[in-house]
Amino acid sequence: ASGRTIRLGAMAWFRQDPGKERELVATINWSGSSTS
């Protein structure tokens, strides 16, 4: 991440393959204390 990173809170990974819907892979809150 670059730029105004102070504005960046929670983050996530998504994935998408042609012919398939975008899928949530994993999430993590700002502190890293909570993941899914």
PDB file of all heavy atoms in Angstrom:
ATOM      1  N   ALA A   1       0.835  -1.195   0.000  1.00  0.00           N
ATOM      2  CA  ALA A   1       0.000   0.000   0.000  1.00  0.00           C
ATOM      3  C   ALA A   1       0.871   1.247   0.000  1.00  0.00           C
ATOM      4  O   ALA A   1       1.912   1.297   0.654  1.00  0.00           O
ATOM      5  CB  ALA A   1      -0.913   0.011   1.223  1.00  0.00           C
ATOM      6  N   SER A   2       0.445   2.241  -0.742  1.00  0.00           N
ATOM      7  CA  SER A   2       1.167   3.501  -0.801  1.00  0.00           C
ATOM      8  C   SER A   2       0.174   4.656  -0.870  1.00  0.00           C
ATOM      9  O   SER A   2      -1.031   4.441  -0.970  1.00  0.00           O
ATOM     10  CB  SER A   2       2.109   3.531  -2.005  1.00  0.00           C
ATOM     11  OG  SER A   2       1.395   3.380  -3.219  1.00  0.00           O
ATOM     12  N   GLY A   3       0.671   5.863  -0.815  1.00  0.00           N
ATOM     13  CA  GLY A   3      -0.195   7.023  -0.832  1.00  0.00           C
ATOM     14  C   GLY A   3      -0.623   7.388   0.582  1.00  0.00           C
ATOM     15  O   GLY A   3       0.166   7.308   1.517  1.00  0.00           O
ATOM     16  N   ARG A   4      -1.878   7.761   0.738  1.00  0.00           N
ATOM     17  CA  ARG A   4      -2.417   8.150   2.036  1.00  0.00           C
ATOM     18  C   ARG A   4      -2.791   6.909   2.841  1.00  0.00           C
ATOM     19  O   ARG A   4      -3.966   6.645   3.095  1.00  0.00           O
ATOM     20  CB  ARG A   4      -3.634   9.050   1.847  1.00  0.00           C
ATOM     21  CG  ARG A   4      -3.360  10.359   1.119  1.00  0.00           C
ATOM     22  CD  ARG A   4      -2.748  11.380   2.049  1.00  0.00           C
ATOM     23  NE  ARG A   4      -2.554  12.671   1.391  1.00  0.00           N
ATOM     24  CZ  ARG A   4      -3.438  13.661   1.384  1.00  0.00           C
ATOM     25  NH1 ARG A   4      -4.591  13.528   2.023  1.00  0.00           N
ATOM     26  NH2 ARG A   4      -3.172  14.790   0.764  1.00  0.00           N
ATOM     27  N   THR A   5      -1.786   6.153   3.250  1.00  0.00           N
ATOM     28  CA  THR A   5      -2.024   4.898   3.959  1.00  0.00           C
ATOM     29  C   THR A   5      -2.693   5.097   5.318  1.00  0.00           C
ATOM     30  O   THR A   5      -3.216   4.137   5.889  1.00  0.00           O
ATOM     31  CB  THR A   5      -0.716   4.114   4.144  1.00  0.00           C
ATOM     32  OG1 THR A   5       0.251   4.948   4.794  1.00  0.00           O
ATOM     33  CG2 THR A   5      -0.178   3.663   2.800  1.00  0.00           C
ATOM     34  N   ILE A   6      -2.684   6.319   5.833  1.00  0.00           N
ATOM     35  CA  ILE A   6      -3.356   6.594   7.086  1.00  0.00           C
ATOM     36  C   ILE A   6      -4.861   6.379   6.937  1.00  0.00           C
ATOM     37  O   ILE A   6      -5.568   6.169   7.919  1.00  0.00           O
ATOM     38  CB  ILE A   6      -3.065   8.032   7.569  1.00  0.00           C
ATOM     39  CG1 ILE A   6      -3.547   8.232   9.013  1.00  0.00           C
ATOM     40  CG2 ILE A   6      -3.710   9.044   6.634  1.00  0.00           C
ATOM     41  CD1 ILE A   6      -3.160   9.566   9.612  1.00  0.00           C
ATOM     42  N   ARG A   7      -5.329   6.413   5.709  1.00  0.00           N
ATOM     43  CA  ARG A   7      -6.751   6.217   5.422  1.00  0.00           C
ATOM     44  C   ARG A   7      -7.116   4.745   5.256  1.00  0.00           C
ATOM     45  O   ARG A   7      -8.282   4.419   5.023  1.00  0.00           O
ATOM     46  CB  ARG A   7      -7.134   6.978   4.151  1.00  0.00           C
ATOM     47  CG  ARG A   7      -6.848   8.466   4.230  1.00  0.00           C
ATOM     48  CD  ARG A   7      -7.121   9.168   2.926  1.00  0.00           C
ATOM     49  NE  ARG A   7      -8.535   9.174   2.579  1.00  0.00           N
ATOM     50  CZ  ARG A   7      -9.054   9.888   1.588  1.00  0.00           C
ATOM     51  NH1 ARG A   7      -8.279  10.660   0.849  1.00  0.00           N
ATOM     52  NH2 ARG A   7     -10.348   9.824   1.338  1.00  0.00           N
ATOM     53  N   LEU A   8      -6.133   3.862   5.357  1.00  0.00           N
ATOM     54  CA  LEU A   8      -6.356   2.441   5.137  1.00  0.00           C
ATOM     55  C   LEU A   8      -6.644   1.726   6.448  1.00  0.00           C
ATOM     56  O   LEU A   8      -5.825   1.713   7.360  1.00  0.00           O
ATOM     57  CB  LEU A   8      -5.138   1.834   4.453  1.00  0.00           C
ATOM     58  CG  LEU A   8      -5.254   0.392   3.962  1.00  0.00           C
ATOM     59  CD1 LEU A   8      -6.369   0.270   2.947  1.00  0.00           C
ATOM     60  CD2 LEU A   8      -3.923  -0.053   3.376  1.00  0.00           C
ATOM     61  N   GLY A   9      -7.816   1.109   6.520  1.00  0.00           N
ATOM     62  CA  GLY A   9      -8.212   0.369   7.708  1.00  0.00           C
ATOM     63  C   GLY A   9      -8.182  -1.123   7.458  1.00  0.00           C
ATOM     64  O   GLY A   9      -7.124  -1.712   7.259  1.00  0.00           O
ATOM     65  N   ALA A  10      -9.358  -1.735   7.438  1.00  0.00           N
ATOM     66  CA  ALA A  10      -9.449  -3.168   7.189  1.00  0.00           C
ATOM     67  C   ALA A  10      -9.059  -3.495   5.752  1.00  0.00           C
ATOM     68  O   ALA A  10      -9.179  -2.655   4.855  1.00  0.00           O
ATOM     69  CB  ALA A  10     -10.864  -3.663   7.475  1.00  0.00           C
ATOM     70  N   MET A  11      -8.594  -4.711   5.532  1.00  0.00           N
ATOM     71  CA  MET A  11      -8.203  -5.134   4.206  1.00  0.00           C
ATOM     72  C   MET A  11      -8.705  -6.545   3.938  1.00  0.00           C
ATOM     73  O   MET A  11      -9.139  -7.255   4.842  1.00  0.00           O
ATOM     74  CB  MET A  11      -6.676  -5.079   4.041  1.00  0.00           C
ATOM     75  CG  MET A  11      -6.096  -3.689   4.245  1.00  0.00           C
ATOM     76  SD  MET A  11      -4.321  -3.590   3.885  1.00  0.00           S
ATOM     77  CE  MET A  11      -4.367  -3.651   2.087  1.00  0.00           C
ATOM     78  N   ALA A  12      -8.646  -6.932   2.672  1.00  0.00           N
ATOM     79  CA  ALA A  12      -9.155  -8.238   2.291  1.00  0.00           C
ATOM     80  C   ALA A  12      -8.516  -8.720   0.999  1.00  0.00           C
ATOM     81  O   ALA A  12      -7.936  -7.940   0.248  1.00  0.00           O
ATOM     82  CB  ALA A  12     -10.677  -8.186   2.123  1.00  0.00           C
ATOM     83  N   TRP A  13      -8.628 -10.002   0.774  1.00  0.00           N
ATOM     84  CA  TRP A  13      -8.243 -10.609  -0.495  1.00  0.00           C
ATOM     85  C   TRP A  13      -9.494 -11.149  -1.170  1.00  0.00           C
ATOM     86  O   TRP A  13     -10.297 -11.833  -0.534  1.00  0.00           O
ATOM     87  CB  TRP A  13      -7.252 -11.762  -0.295  1.00  0.00           C
ATOM     88  CG  TRP A  13      -5.862 -11.339   0.048  1.00  0.00           C
ATOM     89  CD1 TRP A  13      -5.295 -11.301   1.284  1.00  0.00           C
ATOM     90  CD2 TRP A  13      -4.846 -10.914  -0.868  1.00  0.00           C
ATOM     91  NE1 TRP A  13      -3.997 -10.878   1.205  1.00  0.00           N
ATOM     92  CE2 TRP A  13      -3.690 -10.629  -0.107  1.00  0.00           C
ATOM     93  CE3 TRP A  13      -4.797 -10.743  -2.255  1.00  0.00           C
ATOM     94  CZ2 TRP A  13      -2.502 -10.183  -0.692  1.00  0.00           C
ATOM     95  CZ3 TRP A  13      -3.618 -10.292  -2.830  1.00  0.00           C
ATOM     96  CH2 TRP A  13      -2.492 -10.022  -2.058  1.00  0.00           C
ATOM     97  N   PHE A  14      -9.648 -10.830  -2.437  1.00  0.00           N
ATOM     98  CA  PHE A  14     -10.723 -11.360  -3.256  1.00  0.00           C
ATOM     99  C   PHE A  14     -10.098 -12.116  -4.417  1.00  0.00           C
ATOM    100  O   PHE A  14      -8.936 -11.903  -4.752  1.00  0.00           O
ATOM    101  CB  PHE A  14     -11.607 -10.245  -3.816  1.00  0.00           C
ATOM    102  CG  PHE A  14     -12.503  -9.592  -2.800  1.00  0.00           C
ATOM    103  CD1 PHE A  14     -12.025  -8.587  -1.977  1.00  0.00           C
ATOM    104  CD2 PHE A  14     -13.826  -9.983  -2.675  1.00  0.00           C
ATOM    105  CE1 PHE A  14     -12.843  -7.974  -1.047  1.00  0.00           C
ATOM    106  CE2 PHE A  14     -14.666  -9.373  -1.752  1.00  0.00           C
ATOM    107  CZ  PHE A  14     -14.172  -8.376  -0.933  1.00  0.00           C
ATOM    108  N   ARG A  15     -10.866 -12.979  -5.054  1.00  0.00           N
ATOM    109  CA  ARG A  15     -10.376 -13.654  -6.246  1.00  0.00           C
ATOM    110  C   ARG A  15     -11.504 -13.818  -7.248  1.00  0.00           C
ATOM    111  O   ARG A  15     -12.676 -13.892  -6.883  1.00  0.00           O
ATOM    112  CB  ARG A  15      -9.768 -15.019  -5.907  1.00  0.00           C
ATOM    113  CG  ARG A  15     -10.753 -16.062  -5.391  1.00  0.00           C
ATOM    114  CD  ARG A  15     -10.019 -17.330  -4.982  1.00  0.00           C
ATOM    115  NE  ARG A  15     -10.926 -18.377  -4.539  1.00  0.00           N
ATOM    116  CZ  ARG A  15     -10.523 -19.538  -4.023  1.00  0.00           C
ATOM    117  NH1 ARG A  15      -9.225 -19.794  -3.895  1.00  0.00           N
ATOM    118  NH2 ARG A  15     -11.426 -20.440  -3.642  1.00  0.00           N
ATOM    119  N   GLN A  16     -11.122 -13.867  -8.519  1.00  0.00           N
ATOM    120  CA  GLN A  16     -12.103 -14.035  -9.565  1.00  0.00           C
ATOM    121  C   GLN A  16     -11.463 -14.719 -10.759  1.00  0.00           C
ATOM    122  O   GLN A  16     -10.413 -14.301 -11.234  1.00  0.00           O
ATOM    123  CB  GLN A  16     -12.696 -12.693  -9.997  1.00  0.00           C
ATOM    124  CG  GLN A  16     -13.814 -12.822 -11.017  1.00  0.00           C
ATOM    125  CD  GLN A  16     -14.522 -11.506 -11.269  1.00  0.00           C
ATOM    126  OE1 GLN A  16     -13.912 -10.439 -11.183  1.00  0.00           O
ATOM    127  NE2 GLN A  16     -15.800 -11.573 -11.569  1.00  0.00           N
ATOM    128  N   ASP A  17     -12.085 -15.776 -11.237  1.00  0.00           N
ATOM    129  CA  ASP A  17     -11.638 -16.502 -12.414  1.00  0.00           C
ATOM    130  C   ASP A  17     -12.680 -16.289 -13.495  1.00  0.00           C
ATOM    131  O   ASP A  17     -13.874 -16.208 -13.203  1.00  0.00           O
ATOM    132  CB  ASP A  17     -11.488 -17.992 -12.092  1.00  0.00           C
ATOM    133  CG  ASP A  17     -10.666 -18.739 -13.117  1.00  0.00           C
ATOM    134  OD1 ASP A  17      -9.638 -18.198 -13.559  1.00  0.00           O
ATOM    135  OD2 ASP A  17     -11.037 -19.876 -13.475  1.00  0.00           O
ATOM    136  N   PRO A  18     -12.266 -16.191 -14.761  1.00  0.00           N
ATOM    137  CA  PRO A  18     -13.231 -16.017 -15.850  1.00  0.00           C
ATOM    138  C   PRO A  18     -14.341 -17.061 -15.794  1.00  0.00           C
ATOM    139  O   PRO A  18     -14.067 -18.254 -15.657  1.00  0.00           O
ATOM    140  CB  PRO A  18     -12.377 -16.176 -17.106  1.00  0.00           C
ATOM    141  CG  PRO A  18     -11.043 -15.671 -16.685  1.00  0.00           C
ATOM    142  CD  PRO A  18     -10.890 -16.183 -15.273  1.00  0.00           C
ATOM    143  N   GLY A  19     -15.574 -16.602 -15.863  1.00  0.00           N
ATOM    144  CA  GLY A  19     -16.702 -17.505 -15.798  1.00  0.00           C
ATOM    145  C   GLY A  19     -17.214 -17.744 -14.395  1.00  0.00           C
ATOM    146  O   GLY A  19     -18.199 -18.463 -14.213  1.00  0.00           O
ATOM    147  N   LYS A  20     -16.547 -17.158 -13.414  1.00  0.00           N
ATOM    148  CA  LYS A  20     -16.959 -17.312 -12.028  1.00  0.00           C
ATOM    149  C   LYS A  20     -17.178 -15.940 -11.391  1.00  0.00           C
ATOM    150  O   LYS A  20     -16.647 -14.934 -11.846  1.00  0.00           O
ATOM    151  CB  LYS A  20     -15.902 -18.077 -11.238  1.00  0.00           C
ATOM    152  CG  LYS A  20     -15.656 -19.497 -11.728  1.00  0.00           C
ATOM    153  CD  LYS A  20     -14.457 -20.125 -11.051  1.00  0.00           C
ATOM    154  CE  LYS A  20     -14.647 -20.267  -9.559  1.00  0.00           C
ATOM    155  NZ  LYS A  20     -13.471 -20.924  -8.916  1.00  0.00           N
ATOM    156  N   GLU A  21     -17.959 -15.919 -10.332  1.00  0.00           N
ATOM    157  CA  GLU A  21     -18.220 -14.678  -9.613  1.00  0.00           C
ATOM    158  C   GLU A  21     -17.033 -14.336  -8.725  1.00  0.00           C
ATOM    159  O   GLU A  21     -16.280 -15.208  -8.304  1.00  0.00           O
ATOM    160  CB  GLU A  21     -19.477 -14.818  -8.759  1.00  0.00           C
ATOM    161  CG  GLU A  21     -20.759 -15.033  -9.543  1.00  0.00           C
ATOM    162  CD  GLU A  21     -21.126 -13.830 -10.373  1.00  0.00           C
ATOM    163  OE1 GLU A  21     -20.958 -12.694  -9.886  1.00  0.00           O
ATOM    164  OE2 GLU A  21     -21.578 -14.025 -11.517  1.00  0.00           O
ATOM    165  N   ARG A  22     -16.873 -13.051  -8.442  1.00  0.00           N
ATOM    166  CA  ARG A  22     -15.831 -12.629  -7.535  1.00  0.00           C
ATOM    167  C   ARG A  22     -16.114 -13.217  -6.155  1.00  0.00           C
ATOM    168  O   ARG A  22     -17.251 -13.197  -5.675  1.00  0.00           O
ATOM    169  CB  ARG A  22     -15.780 -11.100  -7.440  1.00  0.00           C
ATOM    170  CG  ARG A  22     -14.562 -10.595  -6.657  1.00  0.00           C
ATOM    171  CD  ARG A  22     -14.641  -9.098  -6.414  1.00  0.00           C
ATOM    172  NE  ARG A  22     -14.769  -8.331  -7.632  1.00  0.00           N
ATOM    173  CZ  ARG A  22     -13.763  -7.957  -8.410  1.00  0.00           C
ATOM    174  NH1 ARG A  22     -12.515  -8.288  -8.080  1.00  0.00           N
ATOM    175  NH2 ARG A  22     -13.985  -7.272  -9.518  1.00  0.00           N
ATOM    176  N   GLU A  23     -15.090 -13.733  -5.527  1.00  0.00           N
ATOM    177  CA  GLU A  23     -15.235 -14.424  -4.264  1.00  0.00           C
ATOM    178  C   GLU A  23     -14.332 -13.826  -3.199  1.00  0.00           C
ATOM    179  O   GLU A  23     -13.156 -13.560  -3.437  1.00  0.00           O
ATOM    180  CB  GLU A  23     -14.899 -15.910  -4.449  1.00  0.00           C
ATOM    181  CG  GLU A  23     -14.908 -16.737  -3.174  1.00  0.00           C
ATOM    182  CD  GLU A  23     -14.427 -18.150  -3.397  1.00  0.00           C
ATOM    183  OE1 GLU A  23     -13.679 -18.373  -4.381  1.00  0.00           O
ATOM    184  OE2 GLU A  23     -14.800 -19.038  -2.612  1.00  0.00           O
ATOM    185  N   LEU A  24     -14.893 -13.604  -2.026  1.00  0.00           N
ATOM    186  CA  LEU A  24     -14.104 -13.138  -0.894  1.00  0.00           C
ATOM    187  C   LEU A  24     -13.271 -14.297  -0.378  1.00  0.00           C
ATOM    188  O   LEU A  24     -13.801 -15.375  -0.102  1.00  0.00           O
ATOM    189  CB  LEU A  24     -15.017 -12.614   0.214  1.00  0.00           C
ATOM    190  CG  LEU A  24     -14.337 -12.207   1.521  1.00  0.00           C
ATOM    191  CD1 LEU A  24     -13.426 -11.007   1.308  1.00  0.00           C
ATOM    192  CD2 LEU A  24     -15.387 -11.892   2.587  1.00  0.00           C
ATOM    193  N   VAL A  25     -11.979 -14.094  -0.241  1.00  0.00           N
ATOM    194  CA  VAL A  25     -11.080 -15.134   0.232  1.00  0.00           C
ATOM    195  C   VAL A  25     -10.810 -14.995   1.721  1.00  0.00           C
ATOM    196  O   VAL A  25     -10.932 -15.959   2.482  1.00  0.00           O
ATOM    197  CB  VAL A  25      -9.744 -15.107  -0.534  1.00  0.00           C
ATOM    198  CG1 VAL A  25      -8.793 -16.178  -0.004  1.00  0.00           C
ATOM    199  CG2 VAL A  25      -9.986 -15.311  -2.027  1.00  0.00           C
ATOM    200  N   ALA A  26     -10.428 -13.799   2.136  1.00  0.00           N
ATOM    201  CA  ALA A  26     -10.085 -13.576   3.539  1.00  0.00           C
ATOM    202  C   ALA A  26     -10.154 -12.099   3.874  1.00  0.00           C
ATOM    203  O   ALA A  26      -9.985 -11.248   3.007  1.00  0.00           O
ATOM    204  CB  ALA A  26      -8.685 -14.117   3.837  1.00  0.00           C
ATOM    205  N   THR A  27     -10.402 -11.797   5.134  1.00  0.00           N
ATOM    206  CA  THR A  27     -10.437 -10.417   5.611  1.00  0.00           C
ATOM    207  C   THR A  27      -9.583 -10.290   6.856  1.00  0.00           C
ATOM    208  O   THR A  27      -9.344 -11.260   7.566  1.00  0.00           O
ATOM    209  CB  THR A  27     -11.863  -9.949   5.953  1.00  0.00           C
ATOM    210  OG1 THR A  27     -12.356 -10.686   7.084  1.00  0.00           O
ATOM    211  CG2 THR A  27     -12.806 -10.146   4.778  1.00  0.00           C
ATOM    212  N   ILE A  28      -9.160  -9.063   7.129  1.00  0.00           N
ATOM    213  CA  ILE A  28      -8.393  -8.785   8.332  1.00  0.00           C
ATOM    214  C   ILE A  28      -8.668  -7.345   8.737  1.00  0.00           C
ATOM    215  O   ILE A  28      -8.652  -6.442   7.907  1.00  0.00           O
ATOM    216  CB  ILE A  28      -6.882  -9.033   8.105  1.00  0.00           C
ATOM    217  CG1 ILE A  28      -6.101  -8.861   9.411  1.00  0.00           C
ATOM    218  CG2 ILE A  28      -6.330  -8.115   7.017  1.00  0.00           C
ATOM    219  CD1 ILE A  28      -4.666  -9.380   9.315  1.00  0.00           C
ATOM    220  N   ASN A  29      -8.962  -7.135  10.022  1.00  0.00           N
ATOM    221  CA  ASN A  29      -9.219  -5.780  10.470  1.00  0.00           C
ATOM    222  C   ASN A  29      -7.915  -4.997  10.588  1.00  0.00           C
ATOM    223  O   ASN A  29      -6.828  -5.539  10.368  1.00  0.00           O
ATOM    224  CB  ASN A  29     -10.013  -5.782  11.788  1.00  0.00           C
ATOM    225  CG  ASN A  29      -9.210  -6.326  12.975  1.00  0.00           C
ATOM    226  OD1 ASN A  29      -8.125  -6.876  12.816  1.00  0.00           O
ATOM    227  ND2 ASN A  29      -9.756  -6.162  14.165  1.00  0.00           N
ATOM    228  N   TRP A  30      -8.030  -3.716  10.934  1.00  0.00           N
ATOM    229  CA  TRP A  30      -6.852  -2.854  10.940  1.00  0.00           C
ATOM    230  C   TRP A  30      -5.748  -3.366  11.855  1.00  0.00           C
ATOM    231  O   TRP A  30      -4.575  -3.369  11.477  1.00  0.00           O
ATOM    232  CB  TRP A  30      -7.235  -1.432  11.346  1.00  0.00           C
ATOM    233  CG  TRP A  30      -6.056  -0.499  11.357  1.00  0.00           C
ATOM    234  CD1 TRP A  30      -5.534   0.189  10.304  1.00  0.00           C
ATOM    235  CD2 TRP A  30      -5.240  -0.176  12.491  1.00  0.00           C
ATOM    236  NE1 TRP A  30      -4.442   0.922  10.695  1.00  0.00           N
ATOM    237  CE2 TRP A  30      -4.240   0.717  12.033  1.00  0.00           C
ATOM    238  CE3 TRP A  30      -5.255  -0.545  13.835  1.00  0.00           C
ATOM    239  CZ2 TRP A  30      -3.263   1.235  12.886  1.00  0.00           C
ATOM    240  CZ3 TRP A  30      -4.283  -0.030  14.682  1.00  0.00           C
ATOM    241  CH2 TRP A  30      -3.310   0.850  14.202  1.00  0.00           C
ATOM    242  N   SER A  31      -6.101  -3.777  13.056  1.00  0.00           N
ATOM    243  CA  SER A  31      -5.113  -4.213  14.034  1.00  0.00           C
ATOM    244  C   SER A  31      -4.599  -5.626  13.777  1.00  0.00           C
ATOM    245  O   SER A  31      -3.571  -6.017  14.325  1.00  0.00           O
ATOM    246  CB  SER A  31      -5.691  -4.140  15.444  1.00  0.00           C
ATOM    247  OG  SER A  31      -6.711  -5.097  15.632  1.00  0.00           O
ATOM    248  N   GLY A  32      -5.316  -6.376  12.959  1.00  0.00           N
ATOM    249  CA  GLY A  32      -4.936  -7.757  12.706  1.00  0.00           C
ATOM    250  C   GLY A  32      -5.464  -8.715  13.754  1.00  0.00           C
ATOM    251  O   GLY A  32      -5.150  -9.912  13.713  1.00  0.00           O
ATOM    252  N   SER A  33      -6.272  -8.213  14.673  1.00  0.00           N
ATOM    253  CA  SER A  33      -6.798  -9.042  15.751  1.00  0.00           C
ATOM    254  C   SER A  33      -7.964  -9.918  15.318  1.00  0.00           C
ATOM    255  O   SER A  33      -8.324 -10.861  16.027  1.00  0.00           O
ATOM    256  CB  SER A  33      -7.231  -8.165  16.928  1.00  0.00           C
ATOM    257  OG  SER A  33      -8.292  -7.297  16.557  1.00  0.00           O
ATOM    258  N   SER A  34      -8.560  -9.600  14.183  1.00  0.00           N
ATOM    259  CA  SER A  34      -9.708 -10.357  13.700  1.00  0.00           C
ATOM    260  C   SER A  34      -9.517 -10.715  12.235  1.00  0.00           C
ATOM    261  O   SER A  34      -9.241  -9.852  11.408  1.00  0.00           O
ATOM    262  CB  SER A  34     -10.989  -9.552  13.881  1.00  0.00           C
ATOM    263  OG  SER A  34     -12.114 -10.249  13.380  1.00  0.00           O
ATOM    264  N   THR A  35      -9.657 -11.990  11.922  1.00  0.00           N
ATOM    265  CA  THR A  35      -9.555 -12.464  10.544  1.00  0.00           C
ATOM    266  C   THR A  35     -10.722 -13.378  10.229  1.00  0.00           C
ATOM    267  O   THR A  35     -11.340 -13.949  11.124  1.00  0.00           O
ATOM    268  CB  THR A  35      -8.244 -13.224  10.299  1.00  0.00           C
ATOM    269  OG1 THR A  35      -8.181 -14.360  11.179  1.00  0.00           O
ATOM    270  CG2 THR A  35      -7.043 -12.328  10.561  1.00  0.00           C
ATOM    271  N   SER A  36     -11.013 -13.511   8.957  1.00  0.00           N
ATOM    272  CA  SER A  36     -12.064 -14.416   8.528  1.00  0.00           C
ATOM    273  C   SER A  36     -11.656 -15.021   7.193  1.00  0.00           C
ATOM    274  O   SER A  36     -10.883 -14.426   6.438  1.00  0.00           O
ATOM    275  CB  SER A  36     -13.410 -13.698   8.402  1.00  0.00           C
ATOM    276  OG  SER A  36     -13.394 -12.744   7.360  1.00  0.00           O
TER     277      SER A  36
END
